[in-house]
Protein backbone atom coordinates (compact mmCIF):
# COMPACT_ATOMS: atom_id res chain seq x y z
CA MET A 1 67.45 -94.34 105.29
CA ARG A 2 70.11 -91.09 105.60
CA LEU A 3 73.68 -92.44 105.92
CA GLY A 4 75.73 -89.39 105.65
CA SER A 5 79.32 -88.93 106.09
CA CYS A 6 81.62 -91.78 106.26
CA GLY A 7 84.74 -91.13 108.40
CA ASN A 8 86.67 -87.57 107.16
CA ASN A 9 85.03 -88.43 103.61
CA ILE A 10 82.03 -87.85 102.32
CA MET A 11 79.95 -91.27 101.37
CA ARG A 12 80.45 -91.99 97.67
CA ASN A 13 78.14 -93.35 95.39
CA VAL A 14 78.13 -94.77 92.43
CA ASN A 15 78.02 -92.41 89.59
CA PRO A 16 75.92 -93.23 86.25
CA ALA A 17 77.46 -90.08 84.43
CA PHE A 18 80.84 -92.05 85.33
CA TRP A 19 80.05 -94.91 83.52
CA LYS A 20 78.05 -94.23 80.68
CA ASN A 21 80.36 -94.86 77.78
CA LYS A 22 82.54 -96.78 79.71
CA LYS A 23 84.04 -99.83 78.35
CA VAL A 24 84.09 -102.61 80.90
CA PHE A 25 85.20 -106.18 80.58
CA LEU A 26 83.62 -108.39 82.62
CA THR A 27 84.02 -111.80 83.73
CA GLY A 28 81.29 -114.01 84.94
CA HIS A 29 78.17 -112.05 83.41
CA THR A 30 76.61 -114.92 82.98
CA GLY A 31 76.32 -115.62 86.63
CA PHE A 32 73.91 -114.73 89.26
CA LYS A 33 75.98 -111.69 90.01
CA GLY A 34 77.52 -111.19 87.06
CA SER A 35 73.94 -110.65 85.37
CA TRP A 36 72.93 -108.09 88.28
CA LEU A 37 76.03 -106.42 87.41
CA SER A 38 75.39 -106.16 83.54
CA LEU A 39 71.94 -104.95 84.06
CA TRP A 40 73.24 -102.48 86.67
CA LEU A 41 76.02 -101.10 84.30
CA THR A 42 74.09 -100.83 81.26
CA SER A 43 71.28 -98.91 82.83
CA MET A 44 74.05 -96.40 83.09
CA GLY A 45 74.92 -96.60 80.03
CA ALA A 46 78.02 -98.49 79.92
CA GLU A 47 79.84 -100.77 77.30
CA VAL A 48 79.81 -103.95 78.51
CA THR A 49 82.04 -107.21 77.16
CA GLY A 50 81.13 -110.22 78.84
CA TYR A 51 83.22 -113.01 79.14
CA ALA A 52 82.20 -116.65 80.49
CA LEU A 53 80.96 -120.32 80.69
CA ALA A 54 77.69 -120.41 79.66
CA PRO A 55 75.00 -120.40 82.27
CA ASN A 56 74.74 -123.93 84.21
CA THR A 57 71.17 -124.04 85.39
CA GLN A 58 67.74 -123.21 84.15
CA PRO A 59 66.09 -121.40 84.72
CA ASN A 60 69.14 -118.75 85.15
CA LEU A 61 68.60 -114.69 85.64
CA TYR A 62 71.17 -114.23 82.35
CA ASP A 63 68.55 -115.63 80.47
CA VAL A 64 65.75 -114.45 82.38
CA LEU A 65 67.20 -110.78 82.43
CA ASP A 66 68.09 -111.45 78.50
CA ILE A 67 71.81 -109.77 79.46
CA GLY A 68 72.96 -111.40 75.92
CA ARG A 69 70.73 -108.97 74.12
CA THR A 70 71.58 -106.15 75.97
CA ILE A 71 75.01 -106.34 77.06
CA ASN A 72 77.69 -104.68 73.96
CA SER A 73 79.04 -108.00 73.03
CA SER A 74 78.31 -111.84 75.17
CA LEU A 75 81.33 -114.13 74.62
CA ILE A 76 81.15 -117.64 75.46
CA GLY A 77 84.45 -118.78 76.95
CA ASP A 78 86.92 -120.41 79.67
CA ILE A 79 88.99 -117.97 81.60
CA ARG A 80 91.61 -120.77 81.86
CA ASP A 81 92.11 -120.61 78.03
CA LEU A 82 94.70 -117.31 78.07
CA GLU A 83 94.52 -117.16 73.97
CA LEU A 84 91.22 -116.59 73.60
CA LEU A 85 90.74 -114.39 77.04
CA GLN A 86 93.59 -112.10 75.61
CA LYS A 87 92.27 -111.90 72.30
CA SER A 88 89.14 -110.96 73.63
CA MET A 89 90.36 -108.61 76.26
CA HIS A 90 92.77 -107.12 73.35
CA ASP A 91 89.83 -106.50 71.11
CA SER A 92 87.79 -104.90 73.32
CA GLU A 93 89.91 -102.07 74.39
CA PRO A 94 88.21 -101.99 77.81
CA ASP A 95 88.65 -99.02 80.37
CA ILE A 96 87.67 -101.43 82.97
CA VAL A 97 87.99 -105.40 83.66
CA ILE A 98 85.90 -106.34 86.56
CA HIS A 99 87.26 -110.23 87.27
CA MET A 100 84.22 -112.54 88.67
CA ALA A 101 84.33 -115.43 86.91
CA ALA A 102 85.20 -118.45 89.51
CA GLN A 103 84.18 -122.23 90.43
CA PRO A 104 82.16 -120.46 93.83
CA LEU A 105 81.14 -123.46 95.47
CA VAL A 106 82.73 -124.59 98.75
CA ARG A 107 81.38 -128.60 98.42
CA TYR A 108 81.55 -128.75 94.96
CA SER A 109 85.11 -127.73 95.40
CA TYR A 110 85.49 -130.91 97.68
CA ALA A 111 84.95 -133.14 94.61
CA ASN A 112 86.71 -131.56 91.98
CA PRO A 113 89.61 -129.65 93.60
CA VAL A 114 91.84 -129.39 90.21
CA GLU A 115 88.46 -127.49 88.46
CA THR A 116 88.49 -125.19 91.28
CA TYR A 117 92.25 -124.68 91.12
CA SER A 118 92.60 -124.40 88.05
CA THR A 119 89.47 -122.00 87.72
CA ASN A 120 90.14 -119.80 90.48
CA VAL A 121 93.84 -119.66 90.62
CA MET A 122 95.21 -119.87 87.04
CA GLY A 123 91.79 -117.85 85.84
CA THR A 124 93.21 -114.77 88.03
CA VAL A 125 96.63 -115.36 86.31
CA HIS A 126 95.15 -115.34 83.05
CA ILE A 127 93.18 -112.05 83.57
CA LEU A 128 95.75 -110.36 84.96
CA GLU A 129 98.40 -111.30 82.65
CA ALA A 130 95.88 -110.19 79.62
CA ALA A 131 95.32 -106.87 81.92
CA ARG A 132 99.04 -106.15 81.73
CA PHE A 133 99.28 -106.10 77.75
CA SER A 134 96.04 -104.25 77.32
CA PRO A 135 97.30 -100.75 76.86
CA THR A 136 93.81 -98.98 77.35
CA ILE A 137 92.93 -100.12 80.46
CA ARG A 138 93.05 -98.08 83.95
CA ALA A 139 91.26 -100.15 86.49
CA THR A 140 91.16 -103.48 87.32
CA VAL A 141 89.02 -105.19 90.25
CA ILE A 142 89.58 -108.62 91.00
CA VAL A 143 86.73 -110.15 93.02
CA THR A 144 87.71 -113.25 95.72
CA THR A 145 85.69 -114.01 98.82
CA ASP A 146 85.72 -113.51 102.40
CA LYS A 147 86.48 -117.04 103.25
CA CYS A 148 89.76 -116.46 101.42
CA TYR A 149 91.31 -115.41 105.05
CA GLU A 150 92.68 -118.50 107.63
CA ASN A 151 89.71 -118.72 109.24
CA LYS A 152 90.22 -118.86 113.22
CA GLU A 153 86.70 -119.14 114.58
CA TRP A 154 87.38 -114.99 115.66
CA VAL A 155 84.46 -113.22 117.16
CA TRP A 156 85.81 -110.12 115.59
CA GLY A 157 85.97 -109.00 111.79
CA TYR A 158 88.56 -110.28 109.44
CA ARG A 159 90.68 -106.76 108.47
CA GLU A 160 92.31 -106.78 105.05
CA ASN A 161 95.98 -107.67 106.51
CA GLU A 162 95.17 -110.94 107.98
CA GLN A 163 96.51 -113.64 107.44
CA ILE A 164 95.42 -115.15 103.86
CA GLY A 165 94.89 -119.40 104.25
CA GLY A 166 91.24 -121.15 103.53
CA TYR A 167 90.50 -124.89 105.03
CA ASP A 168 88.72 -126.34 102.01
CA PRO A 169 89.95 -126.00 97.95
CA TYR A 170 87.40 -123.38 97.17
CA SER A 171 88.45 -120.63 100.17
CA ASN A 172 92.38 -121.86 99.70
CA SER A 173 91.96 -121.13 96.01
CA LYS A 174 90.78 -117.82 96.94
CA GLY A 175 93.09 -117.13 99.29
CA CYS A 176 95.46 -117.90 96.43
CA ALA A 177 94.17 -115.89 93.64
CA GLU A 178 94.58 -112.96 96.25
CA MET A 179 98.37 -113.70 96.65
CA VAL A 180 98.21 -113.69 92.64
CA THR A 181 96.67 -110.45 92.46
CA SER A 182 99.10 -109.13 95.19
CA ALA A 183 102.35 -110.46 93.77
CA TYR A 184 101.05 -109.34 89.86
CA ARG A 185 100.25 -105.82 91.35
CA GLN A 186 103.55 -105.26 92.89
CA SER A 187 105.58 -106.92 89.87
CA TYR A 188 103.76 -105.29 86.98
CA PHE A 189 101.40 -102.77 87.77
CA SER A 190 103.07 -100.64 90.16
CA ASN A 191 105.77 -99.27 88.07
CA PRO A 192 105.60 -95.73 87.18
CA ASN A 193 104.68 -96.49 83.33
CA SER A 194 101.99 -98.41 84.74
CA THR A 195 98.28 -96.80 84.28
CA ASN A 196 96.28 -99.69 84.94
CA LYS A 197 95.65 -100.08 89.00
CA VAL A 198 94.81 -103.24 90.66
CA ALA A 199 92.64 -104.14 93.63
CA SER A 200 90.85 -107.22 94.84
CA ALA A 201 87.54 -106.89 96.76
CA ARG A 202 86.30 -109.61 99.23
CA ALA A 203 82.23 -109.92 99.87
CA GLY A 204 80.52 -111.45 102.37
CA ASN A 205 77.64 -114.14 101.29
CA VAL A 206 75.52 -112.74 98.73
CA ILE A 207 71.87 -113.18 98.56
CA GLY A 208 69.54 -111.73 96.24
CA GLY A 209 66.51 -112.14 93.81
CA GLY A 210 67.05 -114.79 90.87
CA ASP A 211 69.80 -116.87 92.35
CA TRP A 212 69.60 -120.74 90.85
CA SER A 213 72.90 -121.76 91.84
CA GLU A 214 73.07 -124.97 93.04
CA ASP A 215 74.01 -125.22 97.27
CA ARG A 216 73.22 -121.99 98.15
CA LEU A 217 70.91 -121.38 101.11
CA ILE A 218 68.07 -118.80 100.51
CA VAL A 219 68.18 -120.68 96.50
CA ASP A 220 67.22 -124.07 98.49
CA ALA A 221 65.17 -122.64 100.94
CA ILE A 222 63.05 -120.95 98.19
CA LYS A 223 62.87 -124.26 96.11
CA ALA A 224 61.81 -125.95 99.53
CA PHE A 225 58.96 -123.12 99.89
CA GLU A 226 57.36 -123.43 96.48
CA ALA A 227 57.41 -127.14 97.13
CA ASN A 228 55.66 -127.31 100.36
CA LYS A 229 58.50 -129.23 101.64
CA PRO A 230 60.71 -128.55 104.54
CA LEU A 231 64.34 -126.68 104.10
CA LYS A 232 66.70 -128.63 105.58
CA ILE A 233 69.70 -126.93 106.94
CA ARG A 234 73.29 -128.44 108.05
CA ASN A 235 74.39 -125.96 110.39
CA PRO A 236 72.00 -123.51 111.85
CA LEU A 237 73.80 -121.93 113.91
CA ALA A 238 76.90 -120.74 111.58
CA THR A 239 77.05 -117.20 111.31
CA ARG A 240 78.16 -115.59 107.96
CA PRO A 241 78.03 -111.77 106.92
CA TRP A 242 74.74 -111.65 104.91
CA GLN A 243 74.05 -109.11 102.10
CA HIS A 244 72.37 -108.30 99.19
CA VAL A 245 73.62 -108.76 95.98
CA LEU A 246 73.56 -104.92 95.22
CA GLU A 247 75.91 -104.02 98.21
CA PRO A 248 79.22 -105.49 97.00
CA LEU A 249 78.34 -104.85 93.34
CA SER A 250 78.35 -100.99 94.61
CA GLY A 251 81.76 -101.84 96.53
CA TYR A 252 83.25 -102.74 93.56
CA LEU A 253 82.04 -100.24 90.96
CA ILE A 254 82.75 -97.30 93.38
CA LEU A 255 86.10 -99.15 93.76
CA ALA A 256 86.82 -99.02 90.16
CA GLN A 257 86.13 -95.44 89.85
CA ALA A 258 88.49 -94.92 92.14
CA LEU A 259 91.05 -96.37 90.84
CA TYR A 260 90.68 -94.96 87.39
CA GLU A 261 90.22 -91.37 89.05
CA GLU A 262 92.21 -90.76 91.66
CA VAL A 263 95.73 -91.99 93.09
CA SER A 264 97.13 -95.53 93.10
CA SER A 265 96.65 -95.75 96.88
CA PHE A 266 92.95 -97.50 95.98
CA ALA A 267 95.18 -100.00 94.30
CA SER A 268 94.82 -102.73 97.44
CA SER A 269 92.86 -105.50 98.91
CA TRP A 270 89.35 -104.25 100.22
CA ASN A 271 86.12 -105.69 102.25
CA PHE A 272 83.01 -105.24 101.13
CA GLY A 273 80.09 -106.82 104.16
CA PRO A 274 77.48 -106.12 105.89
CA ARG A 275 77.07 -103.69 108.98
CA ASN A 276 78.00 -105.81 112.41
CA GLU A 277 74.33 -106.46 112.83
CA ASP A 278 73.70 -108.17 110.04
CA ASN A 279 76.13 -110.86 110.41
CA ARG A 280 73.72 -113.57 111.90
CA SER A 281 72.87 -117.24 112.11
CA VAL A 282 71.58 -119.33 109.17
CA GLN A 283 68.77 -119.71 111.18
CA GLU A 284 68.49 -116.31 111.96
CA VAL A 285 68.00 -115.83 108.46
CA ILE A 286 66.01 -118.43 107.50
CA ASP A 287 63.48 -117.47 110.18
CA LEU A 288 63.21 -113.91 108.79
CA LEU A 289 63.06 -115.27 104.88
CA ILE A 290 59.77 -117.32 106.05
CA SER A 291 58.46 -114.65 107.79
CA TYR A 292 58.62 -112.59 104.79
CA TRP A 293 57.62 -115.71 102.51
CA GLY A 294 54.38 -117.22 104.76
CA GLU A 295 52.03 -119.81 103.88
CA THR A 296 53.51 -123.16 104.94
CA ALA A 297 57.24 -122.30 104.77
CA ARG A 298 59.41 -124.16 107.27
CA TRP A 299 63.17 -125.52 108.05
CA GLU A 300 64.57 -128.79 109.59
CA LYS A 301 67.81 -129.69 110.78
CA GLU A 302 69.74 -132.10 108.35
CA GLY A 303 71.01 -135.00 110.59
CA SER A 304 73.65 -136.72 108.04
CA GLU A 305 77.60 -135.99 108.04
CA GLN A 306 78.65 -132.95 106.23
CA PRO A 307 82.02 -131.54 104.81
CA HIS A 308 83.94 -128.97 106.79
CA GLU A 309 82.92 -125.38 106.86
CA ALA A 310 83.45 -122.32 109.18
CA ASN A 311 80.93 -121.82 111.79
CA LEU A 312 81.94 -118.08 112.53
CA LEU A 313 83.19 -115.57 109.54
CA LYS A 314 83.12 -111.72 110.22
CA LEU A 315 84.48 -109.20 107.83
CA ASP A 316 85.99 -105.96 109.30
CA CYS A 317 84.66 -103.09 106.79
CA SER A 318 86.32 -100.00 108.63
CA LYS A 319 88.63 -99.67 105.42
CA ALA A 320 86.20 -99.25 102.68
CA TYR A 321 84.29 -96.76 104.85
CA THR A 322 86.64 -94.61 106.09
CA LYS A 323 89.12 -94.53 103.17
CA LEU A 324 86.68 -95.35 100.05
CA GLY A 325 83.49 -93.96 101.72
CA TRP A 326 81.44 -96.75 101.15
CA ILE A 327 78.74 -97.69 103.21
CA PRO A 328 75.78 -100.71 103.16
CA LYS A 329 72.33 -98.97 102.77
CA TRP A 330 70.59 -102.34 102.91
CA ASP A 331 69.92 -103.70 106.09
CA LEU A 332 69.36 -107.81 106.48
CA GLU A 333 65.30 -107.20 106.49
CA THR A 334 65.56 -105.11 103.41
CA ALA A 335 67.43 -107.53 101.60
CA THR A 336 65.22 -110.04 102.52
CA GLU A 337 62.09 -108.63 101.91
CA LYS A 338 63.55 -107.55 98.11
CA ILE A 339 64.01 -111.07 97.63
CA VAL A 340 61.17 -112.38 98.53
CA GLN A 341 59.48 -109.67 96.46
CA TRP A 342 61.57 -110.71 93.29
CA GLN A 343 60.65 -114.37 93.52
CA LYS A 344 56.85 -113.71 93.88
CA ALA A 345 57.35 -111.45 90.75
CA TYR A 346 58.90 -114.20 88.93
CA GLN A 347 56.13 -116.58 89.93
CA THR A 348 53.43 -114.62 88.65
CA GLN A 349 55.44 -113.83 85.41
CA GLU A 350 55.89 -110.31 85.42
CA ASN A 351 58.89 -108.83 83.61
CA MET A 352 62.12 -109.34 85.90
CA ARG A 353 63.66 -107.07 84.13
CA GLU A 354 61.85 -104.11 84.98
CA VAL A 355 61.30 -105.41 88.52
CA SER A 356 65.42 -105.85 89.15
CA LEU A 357 65.66 -102.34 87.06
CA MET A 358 63.17 -100.84 90.06
CA GLN A 359 65.31 -102.58 92.59
CA ILE A 360 68.05 -101.14 91.54
CA ASN A 361 67.16 -97.77 91.36
CA GLN A 362 65.44 -98.13 94.98
CA TYR A 363 69.00 -98.92 95.93
CA MET A 364 70.52 -95.98 94.01
CA ARG A 365 68.34 -93.32 95.31
CA ILE A 366 69.58 -93.96 99.05
CA LYS A 367 72.01 -91.17 100.17
């Protein structure tokens, strides 16, 4: 699939030559997205220092891909610990910071709001505070979420200049993280003496092989299918911007490249979501997964009362398309097929590092 040009710009791709020998301070490297990004960065020759809590599931992608032995340094620490974070960042002398550590679950945030806010809000404050005293950093990418917007159940996508908000503690905490990032950018990183350019990135609902996190649709589906049980769906008609994990990760990498190499106009907020046709309902996603999984996979509607979650959420990524030159490469069908391939390979005990690197290379070969 050739995508060609994007607006007035030629499509940008992740540039392995750029990342070779770059020092990257990556928070959240023990998580699902962080493990994929750690593997991608090290495959390009980057020197990665990871900072995160220990993995909280068994199994987990961090261990499956042996990330701890392949990155430059794996530091187990909490982003709420400012002193340890500052020392870790200072000692690693990074060129680039990518902040992905977070409390990422909506339903967990209802039960644990203080932890959610302290991690997602003050954790972001700590990252930016540490970064402003680290003289080597040239680019900082703060990852939030598509749920940072004040969701009005619009049928059109949210743009980066829409109102920030959030109904539940998780979504609201990420809206707060966006405001923190904006305030720090204007207060400390916009003056002529600052060489560190700061941007935020808002991704859609990320799916991919190797996710064992709690309360995730694809994760719960695969667990049910493997146990020959029906998947129970809370809201089959809810629509989300579904995308393979490599899509937003490529956006973060391309954004970091642009911040590092070019003018400060890239220092702003960016949406990285799927094409419009891949904003689909939960039911459509699961039916698609079932078609690739086969066997006795099935689903049924959950009947019990559930906490509030948005029914309709969509991102407008025109800014990333036209100004950054980023375009999604894999449609939802391809993403779902790659997930099933990954999970089936894991079931048969294949070398999952090689399987994952093969999928990264397949993704990067698309021009």
